[in-house]
Amino acid sequence: MNPYSPVTEAELDRARRDPAFRQKLLQQSLETLLGSLQRRRQAPRSAGASDAQIREGVTLAVRLAELIQTPADPANRA
């Protein structure tokens, strides 16, 4: 997988207008996060993330998965 690159403002703008692109962006973010969590979990304790950081990452992964499973509804946008 490619190294992490931050999401740009242009990508965020496109994601707001294009539900398919939004799903793709969410899926890529989830894959990146899960890969990072796996590497940190397997790293030696001194070099790895703290338990709190891993819990936070897992919580974020669950939220991303929920967003991916929920179809984008333009009617609910502010």
PDB file of N, CA and C in Angstrom:
ATOM      1  N   MET A   1       0.843  -1.177   0.000  1.00  0.00           N
ATOM      2  CA  MET A   1       0.000   0.000   0.000  1.00  0.00           C
ATOM      3  C   MET A   1       0.887   1.240   0.000  1.00  0.00           C
ATOM      4  N   ASN A   2       0.385   2.288  -0.599  1.00  0.00           N
ATOM      5  CA  ASN A   2       1.127   3.542  -0.640  1.00  0.00           C
ATOM      6  C   ASN A   2       1.242   4.143   0.749  1.00  0.00           C
ATOM      7  N   PRO A   3       2.324   4.914   0.981  1.00  0.00           N
ATOM      8  CA  PRO A   3       2.417   5.608   2.264  1.00  0.00           C
ATOM      9  C   PRO A   3       1.273   6.597   2.397  1.00  0.00           C
ATOM     10  N   TYR A   4       0.977   6.934   3.630  1.00  0.00           N
ATOM     11  CA  TYR A   4      -0.131   7.843   3.905  1.00  0.00           C
ATOM     12  C   TYR A   4       0.132   9.211   3.300  1.00  0.00           C
ATOM     13  N   SER A   5      -0.875   9.737   2.644  1.00  0.00           N
ATOM     14  CA  SER A   5      -0.812  11.124   2.173  1.00  0.00           C
ATOM     15  C   SER A   5      -2.094  11.803   2.622  1.00  0.00           C
ATOM     16  N   PRO A   6      -1.973  12.967   3.215  1.00  0.00           N
ATOM     17  CA  PRO A   6      -3.151  13.663   3.722  1.00  0.00           C
ATOM     18  C   PRO A   6      -4.162  13.956   2.617  1.00  0.00           C
ATOM     19  N   VAL A   7      -5.417  13.979   2.993  1.00  0.00           N
ATOM     20  CA  VAL A   7      -6.484  14.303   2.059  1.00  0.00           C
ATOM     21  C   VAL A   7      -6.429  15.805   1.794  1.00  0.00           C
ATOM     22  N   THR A   8      -6.530  16.166   0.530  1.00  0.00           N
ATOM     23  CA  THR A   8      -6.454  17.575   0.159  1.00  0.00           C
ATOM     24  C   THR A   8      -7.832  18.228   0.232  1.00  0.00           C
ATOM     25  N   GLU A   9      -7.840  19.528   0.236  1.00  0.00           N
ATOM     26  CA  GLU A   9      -9.110  20.273   0.224  1.00  0.00           C
ATOM     27  C   GLU A   9      -9.906  19.957  -1.034  1.00  0.00           C
ATOM     28  N   ALA A  10      -9.226  19.804  -2.157  1.00  0.00           N
ATOM     29  CA  ALA A  10      -9.903  19.475  -3.411  1.00  0.00           C
ATOM     30  C   ALA A  10     -10.591  18.112  -3.313  1.00  0.00           C
ATOM     31  N   GLU A  11      -9.917  17.148  -2.681  1.00  0.00           N
ATOM     32  CA  GLU A  11     -10.522  15.820  -2.506  1.00  0.00           C
ATOM     33  C   GLU A  11     -11.729  15.885  -1.577  1.00  0.00           C
ATOM     34  N   LEU A  12     -11.619  16.663  -0.519  1.00  0.00           N
ATOM     35  CA  LEU A  12     -12.758  16.821   0.392  1.00  0.00           C
ATOM     36  C   LEU A  12     -13.939  17.459  -0.321  1.00  0.00           C
ATOM     37  N   ASP A  13     -13.675  18.471  -1.115  1.00  0.00           N
ATOM     38  CA  ASP A  13     -14.738  19.132  -1.870  1.00  0.00           C
ATOM     39  C   ASP A  13     -15.404  18.146  -2.831  1.00  0.00           C
ATOM     40  N   ARG A  14     -14.591  17.370  -3.539  1.00  0.00           N
ATOM     41  CA  ARG A  14     -15.142  16.378  -4.469  1.00  0.00           C
ATOM     42  C   ARG A  14     -15.946  15.313  -3.722  1.00  0.00           C
ATOM     43  N   ALA A  15     -15.458  14.898  -2.559  1.00  0.00           N
ATOM     44  CA  ALA A  15     -16.162  13.881  -1.763  1.00  0.00           C
ATOM     45  C   ALA A  15     -17.532  14.379  -1.314  1.00  0.00           C
ATOM     46  N   ARG A  16     -17.647  15.674  -1.082  1.00  0.00           N
ATOM     47  CA  ARG A  16     -18.939  16.251  -0.686  1.00  0.00           C
ATOM     48  C   ARG A  16     -19.946  16.214  -1.837  1.00  0.00           C
ATOM     49  N   ARG A  17     -19.454  16.259  -3.068  1.00  0.00           N
ATOM     50  CA  ARG A  17     -20.330  16.285  -4.240  1.00  0.00           C
ATOM     51  C   ARG A  17     -20.525  14.922  -4.892  1.00  0.00           C
ATOM     52  N   ASP A  18     -19.579  14.018  -4.699  1.00  0.00           N
ATOM     53  CA  ASP A  18     -19.570  12.744  -5.425  1.00  0.00           C
ATOM     54  C   ASP A  18     -19.587  11.572  -4.437  1.00  0.00           C
ATOM     55  N   PRO A  19     -20.759  10.949  -4.230  1.00  0.00           N
ATOM     56  CA  PRO A  19     -20.865   9.856  -3.254  1.00  0.00           C
ATOM     57  C   PRO A  19     -19.931   8.675  -3.546  1.00  0.00           C
ATOM     58  N   ALA A  20     -19.721   8.357  -4.806  1.00  0.00           N
ATOM     59  CA  ALA A  20     -18.829   7.236  -5.145  1.00  0.00           C
ATOM     60  C   ALA A  20     -17.389   7.559  -4.748  1.00  0.00           C
ATOM     61  N   PHE A  21     -16.969   8.788  -5.016  1.00  0.00           N
ATOM     62  CA  PHE A  21     -15.620   9.199  -4.624  1.00  0.00           C
ATOM     63  C   PHE A  21     -15.488   9.211  -3.106  1.00  0.00           C
ATOM     64  N   ARG A  22     -16.547   9.650  -2.436  1.00  0.00           N
ATOM     65  CA  ARG A  22     -16.548   9.676  -0.966  1.00  0.00           C
ATOM     66  C   ARG A  22     -16.333   8.270  -0.409  1.00  0.00           C
ATOM     67  N   GLN A  23     -17.049   7.298  -0.966  1.00  0.00           N
ATOM     68  CA  GLN A  23     -16.902   5.916  -0.522  1.00  0.00           C
ATOM     69  C   GLN A  23     -15.476   5.425  -0.748  1.00  0.00           C
ATOM     70  N   LYS A  24     -14.926   5.742  -1.907  1.00  0.00           N
ATOM     71  CA  LYS A  24     -13.552   5.317  -2.231  1.00  0.00           C
ATOM     72  C   LYS A  24     -12.563   5.931  -1.238  1.00  0.00           C
ATOM     73  N   LEU A  25     -12.734   7.212  -0.950  1.00  0.00           N
ATOM     74  CA  LEU A  25     -11.850   7.907  -0.020  1.00  0.00           C
ATOM     75  C   LEU A  25     -11.955   7.301   1.382  1.00  0.00           C
ATOM     76  N   LEU A  26     -13.171   6.998   1.823  1.00  0.00           N
ATOM     77  CA  LEU A  26     -13.370   6.372   3.133  1.00  0.00           C
ATOM     78  C   LEU A  26     -12.728   4.982   3.181  1.00  0.00           C
ATOM     79  N   GLN A  27     -12.893   4.215   2.115  1.00  0.00           N
ATOM     80  CA  GLN A  27     -12.309   2.868   2.079  1.00  0.00           C
ATOM     81  C   GLN A  27     -10.787   2.920   2.108  1.00  0.00           C
ATOM     82  N   GLN A  28     -10.205   3.845   1.360  1.00  0.00           N
ATOM     83  CA  GLN A  28      -8.750   3.984   1.373  1.00  0.00           C
ATOM     84  C   GLN A  28      -8.252   4.399   2.756  1.00  0.00           C
ATOM     85  N   SER A  29      -8.986   5.294   3.396  1.00  0.00           N
ATOM     86  CA  SER A  29      -8.603   5.731   4.743  1.00  0.00           C
ATOM     87  C   SER A  29      -8.679   4.577   5.731  1.00  0.00           C
ATOM     88  N   LEU A  30      -9.724   3.769   5.619  1.00  0.00           N
ATOM     89  CA  LEU A  30      -9.882   2.622   6.515  1.00  0.00           C
ATOM     90  C   LEU A  30      -8.758   1.611   6.294  1.00  0.00           C
ATOM     91  N   GLU A  31      -8.436   1.330   5.044  1.00  0.00           N
ATOM     92  CA  GLU A  31      -7.349   0.388   4.751  1.00  0.00           C
ATOM     93  C   GLU A  31      -6.018   0.888   5.318  1.00  0.00           C
ATOM     94  N   THR A  32      -5.758   2.171   5.155  1.00  0.00           N
ATOM     95  CA  THR A  32      -4.523   2.762   5.678  1.00  0.00           C
ATOM     96  C   THR A  32      -4.486   2.661   7.195  1.00  0.00           C
ATOM     97  N   LEU A  33      -5.599   2.994   7.838  1.00  0.00           N
ATOM     98  CA  LEU A  33      -5.671   2.942   9.297  1.00  0.00           C
ATOM     99  C   LEU A  33      -5.485   1.517   9.808  1.00  0.00           C
ATOM    100  N   LEU A  34      -6.155   0.550   9.197  1.00  0.00           N
ATOM    101  CA  LEU A  34      -6.021  -0.841   9.644  1.00  0.00           C
ATOM    102  C   LEU A  34      -4.595  -1.350   9.454  1.00  0.00           C
ATOM    103  N   GLY A  35      -3.963  -0.978   8.356  1.00  0.00           N
ATOM    104  CA  GLY A  35      -2.574  -1.368   8.138  1.00  0.00           C
ATOM    105  C   GLY A  35      -1.653  -0.785   9.194  1.00  0.00           C
ATOM    106  N   SER A  36      -1.880   0.469   9.523  1.00  0.00           N
ATOM    107  CA  SER A  36      -1.075   1.125  10.550  1.00  0.00           C
ATOM    108  C   SER A  36      -1.286   0.475  11.919  1.00  0.00           C
ATOM    109  N   LEU A  37      -2.531   0.172  12.235  1.00  0.00           N
ATOM    110  CA  LEU A  37      -2.816  -0.488  13.516  1.00  0.00           C
ATOM    111  C   LEU A  37      -2.139  -1.853  13.593  1.00  0.00           C
ATOM    112  N   GLN A  38      -2.173  -2.584  12.512  1.00  0.00           N
ATOM    113  CA  GLN A  38      -1.547  -3.910  12.482  1.00  0.00           C
ATOM    114  C   GLN A  38      -0.037  -3.799  12.698  1.00  0.00           C
ATOM    115  N   ARG A  39       0.599  -2.854  12.002  1.00  0.00           N
ATOM    116  CA  ARG A  39       2.049  -2.682  12.162  1.00  0.00           C
ATOM    117  C   ARG A  39       2.393  -2.279  13.595  1.00  0.00           C
ATOM    118  N   ARG A  40       1.618  -1.375  14.167  1.00  0.00           N
ATOM    119  CA  ARG A  40       1.887  -0.913  15.532  1.00  0.00           C
ATOM    120  C   ARG A  40       1.633  -2.021  16.555  1.00  0.00           C
ATOM    121  N   ARG A  41       0.635  -2.823  16.298  1.00  0.00           N
ATOM    122  CA  ARG A  41       0.339  -3.919  17.220  1.00  0.00           C
ATOM    123  C   ARG A  41       1.467  -4.947  17.228  1.00  0.00           C
ATOM    124  N   GLN A  42       2.099  -5.141  16.084  1.00  0.00           N
ATOM    125  CA  GLN A  42       3.165  -6.136  15.976  1.00  0.00           C
ATOM    126  C   GLN A  42       4.536  -5.575  16.353  1.00  0.00           C
ATOM    127  N   ALA A  43       4.652  -4.263  16.491  1.00  0.00           N
ATOM    128  CA  ALA A  43       5.934  -3.647  16.828  1.00  0.00           C
ATOM    129  C   ALA A  43       6.315  -3.974  18.269  1.00  0.00           C
ATOM    130  N   PRO A  44       7.608  -3.971  18.560  1.00  0.00           N
ATOM    131  CA  PRO A  44       8.020  -4.166  19.955  1.00  0.00           C
ATOM    132  C   PRO A  44       7.361  -3.121  20.844  1.00  0.00           C
ATOM    133  N   ARG A  45       7.078  -3.498  22.057  1.00  0.00           N
ATOM    134  CA  ARG A  45       6.342  -2.644  22.989  1.00  0.00           C
ATOM    135  C   ARG A  45       6.946  -1.247  23.116  1.00  0.00           C
ATOM    136  N   SER A  46       8.255  -1.144  23.170  1.00  0.00           N
ATOM    137  CA  SER A  46       8.880   0.164  23.343  1.00  0.00           C
ATOM    138  C   SER A  46       8.734   1.048  22.105  1.00  0.00           C
ATOM    139  N   ALA A  47       8.630   0.439  20.913  1.00  0.00           N
ATOM    140  CA  ALA A  47       8.530   1.209  19.677  1.00  0.00           C
ATOM    141  C   ALA A  47       7.092   1.357  19.204  1.00  0.00           C
ATOM    142  N   GLY A  48       6.194   0.600  19.797  1.00  0.00           N
ATOM    143  CA  GLY A  48       4.812   0.598  19.342  1.00  0.00           C
ATOM    144  C   GLY A  48       3.971   1.680  19.976  1.00  0.00           C
ATOM    145  N   ALA A  49       2.738   1.707  19.561  1.00  0.00           N
ATOM    146  CA  ALA A  49       1.784   2.672  20.102  1.00  0.00           C
ATOM    147  C   ALA A  49       1.314   2.216  21.472  1.00  0.00           C
ATOM    148  N   SER A  50       0.869   3.161  22.252  1.00  0.00           N
ATOM    149  CA  SER A  50       0.321   2.823  23.562  1.00  0.00           C
ATOM    150  C   SER A  50      -1.042   2.158  23.374  1.00  0.00           C
ATOM    151  N   ASP A  51      -1.508   1.494  24.425  1.00  0.00           N
ATOM    152  CA  ASP A  51      -2.830   0.862  24.368  1.00  0.00           C
ATOM    153  C   ASP A  51      -3.915   1.886  24.067  1.00  0.00           C
ATOM    154  N   ALA A  52      -3.789   3.076  24.634  1.00  0.00           N
ATOM    155  CA  ALA A  52      -4.785   4.123  24.400  1.00  0.00           C
ATOM    156  C   ALA A  52      -4.796   4.547  22.933  1.00  0.00           C
ATOM    157  N   GLN A  53      -3.637   4.638  22.307  1.00  0.00           N
ATOM    158  CA  GLN A  53      -3.572   5.017  20.903  1.00  0.00           C
ATOM    159  C   GLN A  53      -4.196   3.944  20.020  1.00  0.00           C
ATOM    160  N   ILE A  54      -3.941   2.691  20.350  1.00  0.00           N
ATOM    161  CA  ILE A  54      -4.523   1.598  19.567  1.00  0.00           C
ATOM    162  C   ILE A  54      -6.040   1.575  19.741  1.00  0.00           C
ATOM    163  N   ARG A  55      -6.521   1.776  20.963  1.00  0.00           N
ATOM    164  CA  ARG A  55      -7.978   1.838  21.185  1.00  0.00           C
ATOM    165  C   ARG A  55      -8.599   2.979  20.383  1.00  0.00           C
ATOM    166  N   GLU A  56      -7.938   4.124  20.381  1.00  0.00           N
ATOM    167  CA  GLU A  56      -8.439   5.270  19.615  1.00  0.00           C
ATOM    168  C   GLU A  56      -8.487   4.941  18.122  1.00  0.00           C
ATOM    169  N   GLY A  57      -7.466   4.271  17.626  1.00  0.00           N
ATOM    170  CA  GLY A  57      -7.444   3.863  16.220  1.00  0.00           C
ATOM    171  C   GLY A  57      -8.546   2.885  15.889  1.00  0.00           C
ATOM    172  N   VAL A  58      -8.806   1.945  16.789  1.00  0.00           N
ATOM    173  CA  VAL A  58      -9.875   0.975  16.572  1.00  0.00           C
ATOM    174  C   VAL A  58     -11.228   1.679  16.567  1.00  0.00           C
ATOM    175  N   THR A  59     -11.422   2.618  17.484  1.00  0.00           N
ATOM    176  CA  THR A  59     -12.670   3.379  17.526  1.00  0.00           C
ATOM    177  C   THR A  59     -12.877   4.133  16.211  1.00  0.00           C
ATOM    178  N   LEU A  60     -11.820   4.748  15.701  1.00  0.00           N
ATOM    179  CA  LEU A  60     -11.899   5.460  14.434  1.00  0.00           C
ATOM    180  C   LEU A  60     -12.194   4.492  13.287  1.00  0.00           C
ATOM    181  N   ALA A  61     -11.580   3.314  13.297  1.00  0.00           N
ATOM    182  CA  ALA A  61     -11.820   2.321  12.254  1.00  0.00           C
ATOM    183  C   ALA A  61     -13.286   1.891  12.238  1.00  0.00           C
ATOM    184  N   VAL A  62     -13.865   1.706  13.419  1.00  0.00           N
ATOM    185  CA  VAL A  62     -15.281   1.335  13.497  1.00  0.00           C
ATOM    186  C   VAL A  62     -16.143   2.450  12.920  1.00  0.00           C
ATOM    187  N   ARG A  63     -15.821   3.691  13.245  1.00  0.00           N
ATOM    188  CA  ARG A  63     -16.591   4.836  12.730  1.00  0.00           C
ATOM    189  C   ARG A  63     -16.475   4.927  11.206  1.00  0.00           C
ATOM    190  N   LEU A  64     -15.271   4.719  10.678  1.00  0.00           N
ATOM    191  CA  LEU A  64     -15.097   4.724   9.226  1.00  0.00           C
ATOM    192  C   LEU A  64     -15.919   3.616   8.576  1.00  0.00           C
ATOM    193  N   ALA A  65     -15.907   2.426   9.172  1.00  0.00           N
ATOM    194  CA  ALA A  65     -16.689   1.311   8.632  1.00  0.00           C
ATOM    195  C   ALA A  65     -18.181   1.648   8.635  1.00  0.00           C
ATOM    196  N   GLU A  66     -18.649   2.298   9.691  1.00  0.00           N
ATOM    197  CA  GLU A  66     -20.056   2.708   9.739  1.00  0.00           C
ATOM    198  C   GLU A  66     -20.371   3.703   8.614  1.00  0.00           C
ATOM    199  N   LEU A  67     -19.473   4.652   8.387  1.00  0.00           N
ATOM    200  CA  LEU A  67     -19.685   5.629   7.322  1.00  0.00           C
ATOM    201  C   LEU A  67     -19.700   4.964   5.947  1.00  0.00           C
ATOM    202  N   ILE A  68     -18.848   3.973   5.759  1.00  0.00           N
ATOM    203  CA  ILE A  68     -18.799   3.256   4.486  1.00  0.00           C
ATOM    204  C   ILE A  68     -20.098   2.495   4.252  1.00  0.00           C
ATOM    205  N   GLN A  69     -20.653   1.907   5.288  1.00  0.00           N
ATOM    206  CA  GLN A  69     -21.869   1.107   5.161  1.00  0.00           C
ATOM    207  C   GLN A  69     -23.127   1.948   5.022  1.00  0.00           C
ATOM    208  N   THR A  70     -23.056   3.213   5.418  1.00  0.00           N
ATOM    209  CA  THR A  70     -24.210   4.090   5.343  1.00  0.00           C
ATOM    210  C   THR A  70     -24.200   4.812   4.003  1.00  0.00           C
ATOM    211  N   PRO A  71     -25.215   4.591   3.188  1.00  0.00           N
ATOM    212  CA  PRO A  71     -25.219   5.283   1.890  1.00  0.00           C
ATOM    213  C   PRO A  71     -25.300   6.796   2.081  1.00  0.00           C
ATOM    214  N   ALA A  72     -24.622   7.501   1.224  1.00  0.00           N
ATOM    215  CA  ALA A  72     -24.656   8.967   1.270  1.00  0.00           C
ATOM    216  C   ALA A  72     -26.047   9.425   0.883  1.00  0.00           C
ATOM    217  N   ASP A  73     -26.619  10.302   1.692  1.00  0.00           N
ATOM    218  CA  ASP A  73     -27.943  10.833   1.427  1.00  0.00           C
ATOM    219  C   ASP A  73     -27.855  12.344   1.295  1.00  0.00           C
ATOM    220  N   PRO A  74     -27.892  12.839   0.065  1.00  0.00           N
ATOM    221  CA  PRO A  74     -27.753  14.275  -0.141  1.00  0.00           C
ATOM    222  C   PRO A  74     -28.816  15.081   0.601  1.00  0.00           C
ATOM    223  N   ALA A  75     -29.959  14.501   0.888  1.00  0.00           N
ATOM    224  CA  ALA A  75     -31.039  15.217   1.593  1.00  0.00           C
ATOM    225  C   ALA A  75     -30.669  15.533   3.022  1.00  0.00           C
ATOM    226  N   ASN A  76     -29.744  14.754   3.613  1.00  0.00           N
ATOM    227  CA  ASN A  76     -29.352  14.956   5.006  1.00  0.00           C
ATOM    228  C   ASN A  76     -28.182  15.907   5.165  1.00  0.00           C
ATOM    229  N   ARG A  77     -27.680  16.438   4.094  1.00  0.00           N
ATOM    230  CA  ARG A  77     -26.535  17.341   4.183  1.00  0.00           C
ATOM    231  C   ARG A  77     -26.978  18.717   4.642  1.00  0.00           C
ATOM    232  N   ALA A  78     -26.102  19.349   5.388  1.00  0.00           N
ATOM    233  CA  ALA A  78     -26.409  20.704   5.866  1.00  0.00           C
ATOM    234  C   ALA A  78     -26.069  21.739   4.828  1.00  0.00           C
TER     235      ALA A  78
END
